[in-house]
Amino acid sequence: MRKLYIDTANLEDIKKINSLGVIQGVTTNPSLISKEPKQNFDALIEELAKFCNEENLSLSVEVFASEPDEMLKQARDIHSSLSKIINTDLLRIKIPVGFEELRVIKQLSDDGVSVNCTCCFTEQQMQLAAMSGAKYVSLFYSRLRDTSGNPAEVLRRTRQFIDDNDLDCEIIAGSIRSQGDVSGAWSHGCDIVTCSTAVIKSMTNHPKTDSSVEGFLKDFNNWIK
């Protein structure tokens, strides 16, 4: 099953898109959170967690520490705090990929925490993270293409590796800029695409749709007069 998540920390956007019945989860990161009005971090993510729990939506929350040991502590604190609000089956803690970060992923996985390993640009990063116990590995799809990388090939190879080794890990494509990126990422083997409200809205639009509807209504109005 291919899934669509919304990539935002804005609760109103989440509610609006969720009302369409098209998303199964929410992803956030420190940059997205910084776009919201200044407030207490814990209060913001608790509000998101409450809504996601009510609506049975997955929620990914990223650590904002830079040192691995502090990442581990922060991840455990976030998970412990939010587990009082949201079903832990819906909660994922995002850890950026890296050599020492693999240890953090392994320890959190051993603790029973679902880890979303983020900021991946190569299949090797995603493969190692999956082997370390990450339940989700996130490719920065469009940013990779910006550096002349081939996100389609990275997804294909990662998909094959996960399937061949029977790893309990799903592939997420993030950093999505267009509706074509969404369907492209799905077709190349990712399980989940996460993108902005603007991209989701663009998926419903086409100039020919607008002109066709306009023509139908014009013809009908001419007839009914």
C-alpha atoms as a PDB file:
ATOM      1  CA  MET A   1       0.000   0.000   0.000  1.00  0.00           C
ATOM      2  CA  ARG A   2       1.338   3.428  -0.954  1.00  0.00           C
ATOM      3  CA  LYS A   3       0.713   6.171   1.608  1.00  0.00           C
ATOM      4  CA  LEU A   4       0.693   9.953   1.683  1.00  0.00           C
ATOM      5  CA  TYR A   5       1.787  12.056   4.667  1.00  0.00           C
ATOM      6  CA  ILE A   6       1.677  15.805   5.145  1.00  0.00           C
ATOM      7  CA  ASP A   7       4.982  17.504   5.945  1.00  0.00           C
ATOM      8  CA  THR A   8       4.141  20.380   8.276  1.00  0.00           C
ATOM      9  CA  ALA A   9       3.845  21.438  11.899  1.00  0.00           C
ATOM     10  CA  ASN A  10       0.797  23.607  11.229  1.00  0.00           C
ATOM     11  CA  LEU A  11      -2.245  22.064  12.883  1.00  0.00           C
ATOM     12  CA  GLU A  12      -4.776  23.914  10.746  1.00  0.00           C
ATOM     13  CA  ASP A  13      -3.151  22.616   7.558  1.00  0.00           C
ATOM     14  CA  ILE A  14      -3.130  19.104   9.009  1.00  0.00           C
ATOM     15  CA  LYS A  15      -6.829  19.338   9.862  1.00  0.00           C
ATOM     16  CA  LYS A  16      -7.709  20.706   6.430  1.00  0.00           C
ATOM     17  CA  ILE A  17      -5.840  18.019   4.485  1.00  0.00           C
ATOM     18  CA  ASN A  18      -6.960  15.252   6.837  1.00  0.00           C
ATOM     19  CA  SER A  19     -10.584  16.211   6.176  1.00  0.00           C
ATOM     20  CA  LEU A  20     -10.033  15.118   2.558  1.00  0.00           C
ATOM     21  CA  GLY A  21      -9.314  11.565   3.673  1.00  0.00           C
ATOM     22  CA  VAL A  22      -6.045  11.286   1.717  1.00  0.00           C
ATOM     23  CA  ILE A  23      -3.300  11.276   4.373  1.00  0.00           C
ATOM     24  CA  GLN A  24      -2.199   8.608   6.809  1.00  0.00           C
ATOM     25  CA  GLY A  25       0.407  10.561   8.737  1.00  0.00           C
ATOM     26  CA  VAL A  26       2.264  13.757   9.623  1.00  0.00           C
ATOM     27  CA  THR A  27       6.000  14.472   9.498  1.00  0.00           C
ATOM     28  CA  THR A  28       7.677  17.409  11.199  1.00  0.00           C
ATOM     29  CA  ASN A  29      11.227  18.685  11.581  1.00  0.00           C
ATOM     30  CA  PRO A  30      12.918  21.579  13.424  1.00  0.00           C
ATOM     31  CA  SER A  31      12.750  23.814  10.335  1.00  0.00           C
ATOM     32  CA  LEU A  32       9.001  23.279   9.923  1.00  0.00           C
ATOM     33  CA  ILE A  33       8.432  23.910  13.619  1.00  0.00           C
ATOM     34  CA  SER A  34      10.418  27.162  13.380  1.00  0.00           C
ATOM     35  CA  LYS A  35       7.878  28.447  10.834  1.00  0.00           C
ATOM     36  CA  GLU A  36       5.115  28.334  13.441  1.00  0.00           C
ATOM     37  CA  PRO A  37       4.471  31.210  15.885  1.00  0.00           C
ATOM     38  CA  LYS A  38       6.993  31.126  18.739  1.00  0.00           C
ATOM     39  CA  GLN A  39       5.780  28.969  21.597  1.00  0.00           C
ATOM     40  CA  ASN A  40       6.821  26.133  23.867  1.00  0.00           C
ATOM     41  CA  PHE A  41       8.142  23.173  21.817  1.00  0.00           C
ATOM     42  CA  ASP A  42       6.528  20.599  24.095  1.00  0.00           C
ATOM     43  CA  ALA A  43       3.142  22.303  23.892  1.00  0.00           C
ATOM     44  CA  LEU A  44       3.265  22.403  20.087  1.00  0.00           C
ATOM     45  CA  ILE A  45       4.127  18.747  19.565  1.00  0.00           C
ATOM     46  CA  GLU A  46       1.683  17.655  22.272  1.00  0.00           C
ATOM     47  CA  GLU A  47      -1.105  19.452  20.403  1.00  0.00           C
ATOM     48  CA  LEU A  48      -0.106  17.693  17.186  1.00  0.00           C
ATOM     49  CA  ALA A  49       0.122  14.350  18.982  1.00  0.00           C
ATOM     50  CA  LYS A  50      -3.351  14.751  20.475  1.00  0.00           C
ATOM     51  CA  PHE A  51      -4.914  15.399  17.072  1.00  0.00           C
ATOM     52  CA  CYS A  52      -2.983  12.580  15.377  1.00  0.00           C
ATOM     53  CA  ASN A  53      -4.064  10.155  18.083  1.00  0.00           C
ATOM     54  CA  GLU A  54      -7.719  11.170  17.665  1.00  0.00           C
ATOM     55  CA  GLU A  55      -7.500  10.744  13.884  1.00  0.00           C
ATOM     56  CA  ASN A  56      -5.272   7.634  13.866  1.00  0.00           C
ATOM     57  CA  LEU A  57      -2.491   9.436  12.005  1.00  0.00           C
ATOM     58  CA  SER A  58       1.190   8.581  12.247  1.00  0.00           C
ATOM     59  CA  LEU A  59       3.347  11.372  13.724  1.00  0.00           C
ATOM     60  CA  SER A  60       7.111  11.810  13.240  1.00  0.00           C
ATOM     61  CA  VAL A  61       8.925  14.198  15.598  1.00  0.00           C
ATOM     62  CA  GLU A  62      12.613  14.992  15.071  1.00  0.00           C
ATOM     63  CA  VAL A  63      15.250  15.568  17.722  1.00  0.00           C
ATOM     64  CA  PHE A  64      17.035  18.914  17.597  1.00  0.00           C
ATOM     65  CA  ALA A  65      20.213  17.942  19.432  1.00  0.00           C
ATOM     66  CA  SER A  66      23.466  17.610  17.474  1.00  0.00           C
ATOM     67  CA  GLU A  67      25.497  15.237  19.669  1.00  0.00           C
ATOM     68  CA  PRO A  68      24.569  11.519  19.508  1.00  0.00           C
ATOM     69  CA  ASP A  69      24.317  11.006  23.278  1.00  0.00           C
ATOM     70  CA  GLU A  70      22.117  14.083  23.592  1.00  0.00           C
ATOM     71  CA  MET A  71      20.041  12.844  20.647  1.00  0.00           C
ATOM     72  CA  LEU A  72      19.465   9.585  22.487  1.00  0.00           C
ATOM     73  CA  LYS A  73      18.407  11.326  25.689  1.00  0.00           C
ATOM     74  CA  GLN A  74      16.187  13.784  23.850  1.00  0.00           C
ATOM     75  CA  ALA A  75      14.579  11.038  21.766  1.00  0.00           C
ATOM     76  CA  ARG A  76      13.761   9.050  24.895  1.00  0.00           C
ATOM     77  CA  ASP A  77      12.345  12.137  26.613  1.00  0.00           C
ATOM     78  CA  ILE A  78      10.149  13.039  23.611  1.00  0.00           C
ATOM     79  CA  HIS A  79       8.935   9.473  23.266  1.00  0.00           C
ATOM     80  CA  SER A  80       8.187   9.163  26.989  1.00  0.00           C
ATOM     81  CA  SER A  81       6.307  12.456  27.059  1.00  0.00           C
ATOM     82  CA  LEU A  82       4.239  11.885  23.918  1.00  0.00           C
ATOM     83  CA  SER A  83       3.429   8.250  24.744  1.00  0.00           C
ATOM     84  CA  LYS A  84       1.051   9.618  27.375  1.00  0.00           C
ATOM     85  CA  ILE A  85      -0.868  11.401  24.585  1.00  0.00           C
ATOM     86  CA  ILE A  86      -0.568   9.277  21.447  1.00  0.00           C
ATOM     87  CA  ASN A  87      -0.623   5.536  20.851  1.00  0.00           C
ATOM     88  CA  THR A  88       3.046   4.541  20.493  1.00  0.00           C
ATOM     89  CA  ASP A  89       2.141   2.525  17.384  1.00  0.00           C
ATOM     90  CA  LEU A  90       1.581   5.921  15.725  1.00  0.00           C
ATOM     91  CA  LEU A  91       4.678   7.684  17.077  1.00  0.00           C
ATOM     92  CA  ARG A  92       8.057   7.842  15.301  1.00  0.00           C
ATOM     93  CA  ILE A  93      11.175   9.654  16.474  1.00  0.00           C
ATOM     94  CA  LYS A  94      13.295  11.133  13.681  1.00  0.00           C
ATOM     95  CA  ILE A  95      17.072  10.731  13.906  1.00  0.00           C
ATOM     96  CA  PRO A  96      19.354  12.118  11.167  1.00  0.00           C
ATOM     97  CA  VAL A  97      21.619   9.562   9.517  1.00  0.00           C
ATOM     98  CA  GLY A  98      25.302   9.374  10.483  1.00  0.00           C
ATOM     99  CA  PHE A  99      27.979   7.006  11.769  1.00  0.00           C
ATOM    100  CA  GLU A 100      27.436   7.584  15.500  1.00  0.00           C
ATOM    101  CA  GLU A 101      23.740   8.123  14.862  1.00  0.00           C
ATOM    102  CA  LEU A 102      23.451   4.460  13.830  1.00  0.00           C
ATOM    103  CA  ARG A 103      24.225   3.587  17.456  1.00  0.00           C
ATOM    104  CA  VAL A 104      21.414   5.896  18.563  1.00  0.00           C
ATOM    105  CA  ILE A 105      19.033   4.210  16.124  1.00  0.00           C
ATOM    106  CA  LYS A 106      20.071   0.763  17.389  1.00  0.00           C
ATOM    107  CA  GLN A 107      19.599   1.691  21.049  1.00  0.00           C
ATOM    108  CA  LEU A 108      16.224   3.309  20.443  1.00  0.00           C
ATOM    109  CA  SER A 109      15.118   0.328  18.381  1.00  0.00           C
ATOM    110  CA  ASP A 110      16.181  -1.988  21.208  1.00  0.00           C
ATOM    111  CA  ASP A 111      14.052   0.171  23.526  1.00  0.00           C
ATOM    112  CA  GLY A 112      11.028  -0.411  21.300  1.00  0.00           C
ATOM    113  CA  VAL A 113      11.017   3.104  19.852  1.00  0.00           C
ATOM    114  CA  SER A 114      10.035   3.399  16.172  1.00  0.00           C
ATOM    115  CA  VAL A 115      12.783   5.407  14.487  1.00  0.00           C
ATOM    116  CA  ASN A 116      12.440   7.411  11.288  1.00  0.00           C
ATOM    117  CA  CYS A 117      15.993   7.884  10.001  1.00  0.00           C
ATOM    118  CA  THR A 118      16.018  11.166   8.103  1.00  0.00           C
ATOM    119  CA  CYS A 119      18.288  13.321   5.904  1.00  0.00           C
ATOM    120  CA  CYS A 120      19.292  10.376   3.694  1.00  0.00           C
ATOM    121  CA  PHE A 121      20.736  10.965   0.230  1.00  0.00           C
ATOM    122  CA  THR A 122      22.179   7.544  -0.714  1.00  0.00           C
ATOM    123  CA  GLU A 123      21.002   3.960  -0.707  1.00  0.00           C
ATOM    124  CA  GLN A 124      23.972   3.083   1.521  1.00  0.00           C
ATOM    125  CA  GLN A 125      22.736   5.451   4.227  1.00  0.00           C
ATOM    126  CA  MET A 126      19.246   4.016   3.997  1.00  0.00           C
ATOM    127  CA  GLN A 127      20.442   0.419   3.935  1.00  0.00           C
ATOM    128  CA  LEU A 128      22.615   0.832   7.050  1.00  0.00           C
ATOM    129  CA  ALA A 129      19.848   2.650   8.907  1.00  0.00           C
ATOM    130  CA  ALA A 130      17.401  -0.146   8.099  1.00  0.00           C
ATOM    131  CA  MET A 131      19.931  -2.722   9.308  1.00  0.00           C
ATOM    132  CA  SER A 132      20.396  -0.757  12.541  1.00  0.00           C
ATOM    133  CA  GLY A 133      16.709  -1.059  13.283  1.00  0.00           C
ATOM    134  CA  ALA A 134      15.077   2.035  11.765  1.00  0.00           C
ATOM    135  CA  LYS A 135      11.438   1.385  10.926  1.00  0.00           C
ATOM    136  CA  TYR A 136      11.485   4.193   8.350  1.00  0.00           C
ATOM    137  CA  VAL A 137      14.252   5.608   6.160  1.00  0.00           C
ATOM    138  CA  SER A 138      13.658   9.008   4.568  1.00  0.00           C
ATOM    139  CA  LEU A 139      15.192  10.061   1.258  1.00  0.00           C
ATOM    140  CA  PHE A 140      15.473  13.771   0.465  1.00  0.00           C
ATOM    141  CA  TYR A 141      14.176  13.218  -3.053  1.00  0.00           C
ATOM    142  CA  SER A 142      14.326  16.632  -4.738  1.00  0.00           C
ATOM    143  CA  ARG A 143      17.410  17.807  -2.844  1.00  0.00           C
ATOM    144  CA  LEU A 144      19.244  14.748  -4.142  1.00  0.00           C
ATOM    145  CA  ARG A 145      18.192  15.571  -7.689  1.00  0.00           C
ATOM    146  CA  ASP A 146      19.458  19.144  -7.140  1.00  0.00           C
ATOM    147  CA  THR A 147      22.977  17.728  -6.711  1.00  0.00           C
ATOM    148  CA  SER A 148      22.712  15.656  -9.916  1.00  0.00           C
ATOM    149  CA  GLY A 149      21.827  12.534  -7.955  1.00  0.00           C
ATOM    150  CA  ASN A 150      19.326   9.937  -9.155  1.00  0.00           C
ATOM    151  CA  PRO A 151      16.534   9.547  -6.576  1.00  0.00           C
ATOM    152  CA  ALA A 152      14.710   6.971  -8.702  1.00  0.00           C
ATOM    153  CA  GLU A 153      17.725   4.669  -8.697  1.00  0.00           C
ATOM    154  CA  VAL A 154      18.335   5.184  -4.966  1.00  0.00           C
ATOM    155  CA  LEU A 155      14.730   4.223  -4.233  1.00  0.00           C
ATOM    156  CA  ARG A 156      14.898   1.206  -6.521  1.00  0.00           C
ATOM    157  CA  ARG A 157      18.089  -0.150  -4.947  1.00  0.00           C
ATOM    158  CA  THR A 158      16.901   0.524  -1.403  1.00  0.00           C
ATOM    159  CA  ARG A 159      13.564  -1.180  -2.118  1.00  0.00           C
ATOM    160  CA  GLN A 160      15.349  -4.246  -3.464  1.00  0.00           C
ATOM    161  CA  PHE A 161      17.748  -4.364  -0.495  1.00  0.00           C
ATOM    162  CA  ILE A 162      14.962  -4.132   2.084  1.00  0.00           C
ATOM    163  CA  ASP A 163      12.883  -6.759   0.318  1.00  0.00           C
ATOM    164  CA  ASP A 164      15.806  -9.141  -0.283  1.00  0.00           C
ATOM    165  CA  ASN A 165      16.817  -8.977   3.381  1.00  0.00           C
ATOM    166  CA  ASP A 166      13.249  -9.080   4.732  1.00  0.00           C
ATOM    167  CA  LEU A 167      13.836  -5.954   6.837  1.00  0.00           C
ATOM    168  CA  ASP A 168      10.948  -4.422   8.779  1.00  0.00           C
ATOM    169  CA  CYS A 169      11.424  -0.952   7.326  1.00  0.00           C
ATOM    170  CA  GLU A 170       9.416   1.396   5.127  1.00  0.00           C
ATOM    171  CA  ILE A 171      10.851   3.936   2.699  1.00  0.00           C
ATOM    172  CA  ILE A 172       9.742   7.571   2.871  1.00  0.00           C
ATOM    173  CA  ALA A 173      10.361  10.119   0.113  1.00  0.00           C
ATOM    174  CA  GLY A 174      10.501  13.680   1.430  1.00  0.00           C
ATOM    175  CA  SER A 175      11.737  16.989   0.017  1.00  0.00           C
ATOM    176  CA  ILE A 176       8.985  16.793  -2.582  1.00  0.00           C
ATOM    177  CA  ARG A 177       8.428  19.820  -4.798  1.00  0.00           C
ATOM    178  CA  SER A 178       5.865  18.804  -7.400  1.00  0.00           C
ATOM    179  CA  GLN A 179       2.936  16.499  -7.995  1.00  0.00           C
ATOM    180  CA  GLY A 180       5.081  14.580 -10.483  1.00  0.00           C
ATOM    181  CA  ASP A 181       7.588  13.875  -7.723  1.00  0.00           C
ATOM    182  CA  VAL A 182       4.822  12.254  -5.667  1.00  0.00           C
ATOM    183  CA  SER A 183       3.726   9.715  -8.266  1.00  0.00           C
ATOM    184  CA  GLY A 184       7.327   9.257  -9.406  1.00  0.00           C
ATOM    185  CA  ALA A 185       8.539   8.390  -5.900  1.00  0.00           C
ATOM    186  CA  TRP A 186       5.695   5.925  -5.414  1.00  0.00           C
ATOM    187  CA  SER A 187       6.408   4.242  -8.752  1.00  0.00           C
ATOM    188  CA  HIS A 188      10.109   3.907  -7.936  1.00  0.00           C
ATOM    189  CA  GLY A 189       9.427   1.910  -4.795  1.00  0.00           C
ATOM    190  CA  CYS A 190       8.867   4.135  -1.790  1.00  0.00           C
ATOM    191  CA  ASP A 191       6.077   3.234   0.630  1.00  0.00           C
ATOM    192  CA  ILE A 192       5.297   6.773   1.782  1.00  0.00           C
ATOM    193  CA  VAL A 193       5.539  10.213   0.237  1.00  0.00           C
ATOM    194  CA  THR A 194       5.468  13.189   2.594  1.00  0.00           C
ATOM    195  CA  CYS A 195       4.893  16.639   1.158  1.00  0.00           C
ATOM    196  CA  SER A 196       3.519  20.098   1.818  1.00  0.00           C
ATOM    197  CA  THR A 197      -0.049  21.310   1.679  1.00  0.00           C
ATOM    198  CA  ALA A 198       0.810  23.208  -1.523  1.00  0.00           C
ATOM    199  CA  VAL A 199       1.995  20.048  -3.300  1.00  0.00           C
ATOM    200  CA  ILE A 200      -1.086  18.090  -2.205  1.00  0.00           C
ATOM    201  CA  LYS A 201      -3.312  20.896  -3.507  1.00  0.00           C
ATOM    202  CA  SER A 202      -1.424  20.914  -6.816  1.00  0.00           C
ATOM    203  CA  MET A 203      -2.188  17.204  -7.253  1.00  0.00           C
ATOM    204  CA  THR A 204      -5.871  18.085  -7.729  1.00  0.00           C
ATOM    205  CA  ASN A 205      -5.273  20.734 -10.401  1.00  0.00           C
ATOM    206  CA  HIS A 206      -4.829  20.752 -14.164  1.00  0.00           C
ATOM    207  CA  PRO A 207      -5.546  23.626 -16.591  1.00  0.00           C
ATOM    208  CA  LYS A 208      -7.616  21.347 -18.807  1.00  0.00           C
ATOM    209  CA  THR A 209      -9.787  20.344 -15.853  1.00  0.00           C
ATOM    210  CA  ASP A 210     -10.615  23.992 -15.190  1.00  0.00           C
ATOM    211  CA  SER A 211     -11.343  24.774 -18.836  1.00  0.00           C
ATOM    212  CA  SER A 212     -13.430  21.612 -19.277  1.00  0.00           C
ATOM    213  CA  VAL A 213     -15.601  22.363 -16.235  1.00  0.00           C
ATOM    214  CA  GLU A 214     -15.965  25.968 -17.371  1.00  0.00           C
ATOM    215  CA  GLY A 215     -17.062  24.757 -20.817  1.00  0.00           C
ATOM    216  CA  PHE A 216     -19.592  22.298 -19.399  1.00  0.00           C
ATOM    217  CA  LEU A 217     -21.176  24.999 -17.228  1.00  0.00           C
ATOM    218  CA  LYS A 218     -21.233  27.493 -20.114  1.00  0.00           C
ATOM    219  CA  ASP A 219     -22.967  24.978 -22.387  1.00  0.00           C
ATOM    220  CA  PHE A 220     -25.487  24.113 -19.703  1.00  0.00           C
ATOM    221  CA  ASN A 221     -26.258  27.748 -18.857  1.00  0.00           C
ATOM    222  CA  ASN A 222     -26.829  28.494 -22.555  1.00  0.00           C
ATOM    223  CA  TRP A 223     -29.181  25.540 -22.799  1.00  0.00           C
ATOM    224  CA  ILE A 224     -31.181  26.256 -19.638  1.00  0.00           C
ATOM    225  CA  LYS A 225     -31.945  29.908 -20.482  1.00  0.00           C
END
